[in-house]
Protein backbone atom coordinates (compact mmCIF):
# COMPACT_ATOMS: atom_id res chain seq x y z
CA MET A 1 -34.75 -2.90 -44.39
CA LEU A 2 -31.65 -1.88 -42.42
CA SER A 3 -30.68 1.71 -41.52
CA GLY A 4 -27.18 3.01 -40.68
CA CYS A 5 -26.58 4.54 -37.27
CA ALA A 6 -24.50 7.63 -36.37
CA THR A 7 -21.87 6.91 -33.78
CA ASN A 8 -21.81 8.93 -30.52
CA ARG A 9 -18.10 9.17 -29.53
CA ASP A 10 -18.75 10.47 -26.03
CA ASN A 11 -21.16 7.71 -25.12
CA PRO A 12 -20.97 4.81 -27.47
CA GLY A 13 -23.41 2.83 -25.28
CA GLU A 14 -26.11 5.26 -26.47
CA ASN A 15 -25.60 3.97 -30.06
CA ILE A 16 -26.54 0.49 -29.09
CA GLY A 17 -29.66 1.55 -27.35
CA PHE A 18 -30.79 3.82 -30.13
CA CYS A 19 -30.13 1.18 -32.79
CA ALA A 20 -31.94 -1.45 -30.72
CA LEU A 21 -35.02 0.83 -30.58
CA ALA A 22 -34.77 1.70 -34.26
CA GLY A 23 -34.35 -1.93 -35.23
CA GLY A 24 -37.24 -2.96 -33.07
CA ALA A 25 -39.48 -0.36 -34.71
CA LEU A 26 -38.46 -1.35 -38.15
CA GLY A 27 -38.72 -5.04 -37.41
CA GLY A 28 -42.22 -4.68 -35.94
CA ALA A 29 -43.37 -2.49 -38.80
CA ALA A 30 -42.07 -4.91 -41.47
CA THR A 31 -43.57 -7.98 -39.77
CA GLY A 32 -46.75 -6.20 -38.98
CA ALA A 33 -47.20 -5.20 -42.61
CA GLY A 34 -47.14 -8.83 -43.74
CA MET A 35 -48.47 -10.63 -40.71
CA ALA A 36 -50.88 -9.84 -37.95
CA GLY A 37 -51.26 -11.00 -34.41
CA ALA A 38 -48.52 -12.65 -32.35
CA ALA A 39 -45.91 -12.52 -35.17
CA ALA A 40 -45.62 -8.70 -34.89
CA PRO A 41 -43.97 -8.67 -31.42
CA ALA A 42 -41.64 -11.42 -32.53
CA GLY A 43 -40.53 -9.31 -35.42
CA ALA A 44 -39.90 -6.38 -33.17
CA VAL A 45 -37.70 -8.44 -30.91
CA ALA A 46 -35.76 -9.80 -33.81
CA GLY A 47 -35.37 -6.38 -35.27
CA ALA A 48 -34.06 -4.99 -31.93
CA VAL A 49 -31.48 -7.69 -31.63
CA ALA A 50 -30.33 -7.10 -35.25
CA GLY A 51 -30.20 -3.35 -34.75
CA ALA A 52 -28.06 -3.70 -31.61
CA LEU A 53 -25.67 -6.08 -33.39
CA ILE A 54 -25.34 -3.95 -36.49
CA CYS A 55 -24.65 -0.69 -34.62
CA ASP A 56 -22.44 -2.11 -31.76
CA PRO A 57 -19.16 -0.33 -32.40
CA ALA A 58 -16.07 -2.46 -32.75
CA ASP A 59 -13.67 -2.19 -29.80
CA GLU A 60 -10.87 -4.63 -30.36
CA ASP A 61 -8.88 -3.92 -27.22
CA ARG A 62 -12.08 -3.50 -25.12
CA ASP A 63 -10.94 -0.23 -23.48
CA GLY A 64 -14.30 1.41 -23.91
CA VAL A 65 -13.22 3.55 -26.95
CA PRO A 66 -14.54 2.39 -30.34
CA ASP A 67 -11.84 1.40 -32.80
CA GLU A 68 -12.71 4.21 -35.22
CA PHE A 69 -11.80 6.77 -32.46
CA ASP A 70 -9.03 4.76 -30.75
CA LYS A 71 -5.68 6.43 -31.28
CA CYS A 72 -3.83 3.77 -29.18
CA PRO A 73 -5.19 0.39 -30.33
CA GLY A 74 -3.92 -2.72 -28.51
CA THR A 75 -4.13 -1.23 -25.04
CA PRO A 76 -3.48 -4.03 -22.43
CA GLU A 77 -6.55 -5.29 -20.60
CA GLY A 78 -7.42 -3.30 -17.47
CA VAL A 79 -5.32 -0.22 -18.29
CA LYS A 80 -7.21 3.02 -17.86
CA VAL A 81 -7.41 5.22 -20.91
CA ASP A 82 -8.36 8.75 -21.85
CA ARG A 83 -11.18 9.60 -24.39
CA ASP A 84 -8.74 8.94 -27.25
CA GLY A 85 -8.16 5.36 -26.01
CA CYS A 86 -4.56 6.08 -24.91
CA PRO A 87 -3.25 4.98 -21.46
CA LEU A 88 -3.30 7.70 -18.80
CA ASP A 89 -0.05 9.49 -18.03
CA THR A 90 -0.83 11.53 -14.90
CA ASP A 91 2.53 13.19 -14.41
CA GLY A 92 2.94 13.99 -18.15
CA ASP A 93 6.43 12.57 -18.42
CA GLY A 94 5.58 10.47 -21.58
CA VAL A 95 5.44 7.10 -19.76
CA PRO A 96 1.95 5.68 -19.16
CA ASP A 97 0.92 5.27 -15.53
CA HIS A 98 0.79 1.47 -15.75
CA LEU A 99 4.46 1.38 -16.75
CA ASP A 100 5.66 4.33 -14.64
CA GLU A 101 7.98 3.19 -11.84
CA CYS A 102 8.40 6.83 -10.67
CA PRO A 103 4.98 8.50 -10.58
CA ASN A 104 4.53 12.20 -9.97
CA THR A 105 7.75 13.18 -11.77
CA PRO A 106 8.23 16.92 -11.38
CA ALA A 107 7.55 18.85 -14.63
CA GLY A 108 10.50 19.27 -16.84
CA VAL A 109 12.55 16.40 -15.49
CA LYS A 110 13.63 14.04 -18.27
CA VAL A 111 12.90 10.36 -17.68
CA ASN A 112 13.90 6.86 -19.00
CA ASP A 113 11.53 4.34 -20.44
CA LYS A 114 10.49 3.42 -16.78
CA GLY A 115 9.48 7.04 -15.98
CA CYS A 116 12.55 7.62 -13.74
CA PRO A 117 14.85 10.60 -13.96
CA LEU A 118 17.74 10.97 -16.40
CA ILE A 119 19.15 14.32 -15.29
CA ILE A 120 21.55 13.65 -12.42
CA ALA A 121 23.94 16.12 -10.82
CA SER A 122 27.63 15.31 -11.05
CA ASN A 123 28.00 15.25 -7.24
CA ILE A 124 25.53 12.49 -6.72
CA PRO A 125 26.91 8.90 -6.38
CA ASP A 126 26.11 6.47 -9.12
CA GLU A 127 24.29 4.15 -6.75
CA CYS A 128 21.91 6.88 -5.89
CA LYS A 129 21.04 7.84 -9.47
CA PRO A 130 17.95 5.59 -9.68
CA TYR A 131 16.42 7.14 -6.59
CA LEU A 132 16.75 10.95 -7.00
CA PHE A 133 15.18 13.54 -9.26
CA VAL A 134 17.93 16.11 -9.74
CA THR A 135 18.20 19.04 -12.13
CA ASP A 136 20.69 21.90 -12.28
CA ASP A 137 22.66 20.23 -9.50
CA LYS A 138 19.71 20.51 -7.14
CA MET A 139 17.59 17.69 -5.72
CA VAL A 140 13.95 18.27 -6.87
CA LYS A 141 12.47 15.10 -5.35
CA ALA A 142 13.32 11.55 -4.33
CA LYS A 143 11.68 8.21 -5.50
CA PRO A 144 8.90 7.47 -3.04
CA VAL A 145 9.61 5.11 -0.13
CA LEU A 146 6.84 2.43 -0.40
CA PHE A 147 5.39 0.46 2.41
CA ALA A 148 3.65 -2.89 3.00
CA PHE A 149 -0.10 -2.80 3.88
CA ASP A 150 -0.73 -1.34 7.31
CA SER A 151 2.96 -1.05 8.02
CA ALA A 152 5.25 1.79 8.89
CA GLU A 153 8.42 -0.31 8.64
CA ILE A 154 11.07 1.00 6.22
CA SER A 155 12.01 -1.57 3.60
CA GLY A 156 15.44 -2.38 2.37
CA GLU A 157 14.99 -0.23 -0.74
CA GLY A 158 13.50 2.45 1.42
CA GLN A 159 16.68 2.53 3.52
CA LYS A 160 18.71 2.96 0.25
CA ILE A 161 16.47 5.79 -0.94
CA LEU A 162 16.67 7.64 2.39
CA SER A 163 20.41 7.20 2.56
CA CYS A 164 20.74 8.70 -0.93
CA VAL A 165 18.42 11.61 0.01
CA ALA A 166 20.64 12.38 3.03
CA ARG A 167 23.72 12.37 0.82
CA ALA A 168 22.09 14.55 -1.80
CA ALA A 169 20.67 16.94 0.81
CA ASN A 170 24.07 17.41 2.43
CA ALA A 171 25.93 17.64 -0.84
CA THR A 172 23.61 20.23 -2.37
CA ASN A 173 22.94 22.12 0.91
CA VAL A 174 19.15 21.79 0.74
CA PRO A 175 17.79 24.25 3.39
CA MET A 176 14.62 22.38 4.31
CA LEU A 177 13.10 18.97 3.31
CA GLU A 178 9.41 18.00 3.56
CA VAL A 179 8.85 14.37 4.57
CA ALA A 180 5.22 13.61 3.66
CA GLY A 181 3.54 10.25 4.55
CA TYR A 182 0.51 8.84 2.80
CA THR A 183 -1.71 5.76 2.88
CA ASP A 184 -3.99 3.86 0.55
CA SER A 185 -7.81 4.18 1.04
CA ILE A 186 -8.40 1.17 3.22
CA GLY A 187 -9.42 2.05 6.80
CA SER A 188 -10.78 5.08 8.52
CA LYS A 189 -9.54 8.59 7.81
CA GLU A 190 -8.28 9.04 11.40
CA TYR A 191 -6.35 5.70 11.46
CA ASN A 192 -4.70 6.46 8.11
CA VAL A 193 -3.55 9.96 9.23
CA ARG A 194 -1.85 8.34 12.20
CA LEU A 195 -0.34 5.62 10.01
CA SER A 196 0.96 8.17 7.56
CA GLN A 197 2.52 10.17 10.44
CA ARG A 198 4.31 6.98 11.72
CA ARG A 199 5.64 6.37 8.21
CA ALA A 200 6.93 9.85 7.86
CA GLY A 201 8.37 9.81 11.40
CA ASN A 202 10.30 6.62 10.65
CA ALA A 203 11.65 8.09 7.41
CA ARG A 204 12.76 11.13 9.45
CA ALA A 205 14.60 8.81 11.90
CA VAL A 206 16.59 7.27 9.16
CA LEU A 207 17.51 10.59 7.61
CA VAL A 208 18.68 11.95 11.01
CA SER A 209 20.78 8.78 11.42
CA GLU A 210 22.36 9.48 8.00
CA GLY A 211 23.41 12.98 9.05
CA VAL A 212 20.54 15.31 8.12
CA ALA A 213 19.81 17.89 10.79
CA GLU A 214 16.36 17.28 12.45
CA SER A 215 15.71 21.00 12.18
CA LYS A 216 15.86 20.70 8.39
CA LEU A 217 12.98 18.19 8.26
CA ASP A 218 9.31 19.11 8.20
CA VAL A 219 7.34 15.90 8.82
CA GLN A 220 3.75 15.64 7.88
CA GLY A 221 1.16 12.83 7.62
CA TYR A 222 -1.66 13.27 5.01
CA GLY A 223 -3.42 9.97 5.33
CA MET A 224 -5.25 8.91 2.28
CA ASP A 225 -5.19 12.40 0.64
CA ASP A 226 -3.45 13.02 -2.73
CA PRO A 227 -3.17 9.53 -4.10
CA VAL A 228 -0.74 9.16 -7.06
CA VAL A 229 -3.16 6.75 -8.75
CA ALA A 230 -6.75 5.59 -8.16
CA ASN A 231 -7.15 3.17 -5.18
CA ASP A 232 -8.90 0.68 -7.41
CA SER A 233 -6.54 -2.25 -7.35
CA GLU A 234 -3.95 -3.77 -4.97
CA ALA A 235 -1.15 -2.77 -7.37
CA ASN A 236 -2.33 0.89 -7.28
CA ARG A 237 -2.94 0.93 -3.48
CA ALA A 238 0.70 -0.21 -3.07
CA LYS A 239 1.86 2.89 -5.01
CA ASN A 240 -0.10 5.12 -2.66
CA ARG A 241 1.41 3.64 0.56
CA ARG A 242 4.36 5.93 0.47
CA VAL A 243 6.57 8.67 1.89
CA GLU A 244 7.55 11.49 -0.46
CA ILE A 245 10.62 13.68 0.18
CA TYR A 246 11.38 16.95 -1.52
CA PRO A 247 12.89 20.33 -0.78
CA LYS A 248 10.35 22.58 0.93
CA LYS A 249 9.73 25.87 -0.94
């Protein structure tokens, strides 16, 4: 005799355990009714296996959310999902984190299919449009300047971003910019604070060389605090090794 199992959405693993126990009990009882001795335990084992197989919820994309509850089937392997089986979108811009090239987009800024801003002020040069978050002719934020592991050296793209930040800051008369350095989670807290300060300091040096008054720059190093994504893979840690620049409120 087989018995259906109710599915627990919040913890599908409980379903398997419950069904295995139920199947074991039924198998043992059925075998015990017809056979005595050593055959009864064997029946219980067979029943437990059958129960687990019957009640194991299907999860085609293996994201941890059973297919019957999965609102986003076909999630790529390794992508983190919410309880509905949909890829996480931390900044709420409509582009999943694993595809978002501009994480932490400010609320209300329209983005393209890569999660980067669409609203651009008319006085921002075309070559700077991929790097700046601008709305109502004011710079809201810049694309993060990323760094190699354990390095504070500004990359080629970082130089372009900082040059564009300087041009936008001067064109829109931003009164004060915060230059915030961050690291990934590898290393001690104290070391990472110093590393983040060096990163922010190097970014400040480029901004000053591009014409931004040093008095307009508030430079901070936050170490491994406030990661944009979890530090659970090299790809994610690379996103957290950054300097963020935005007008200070």
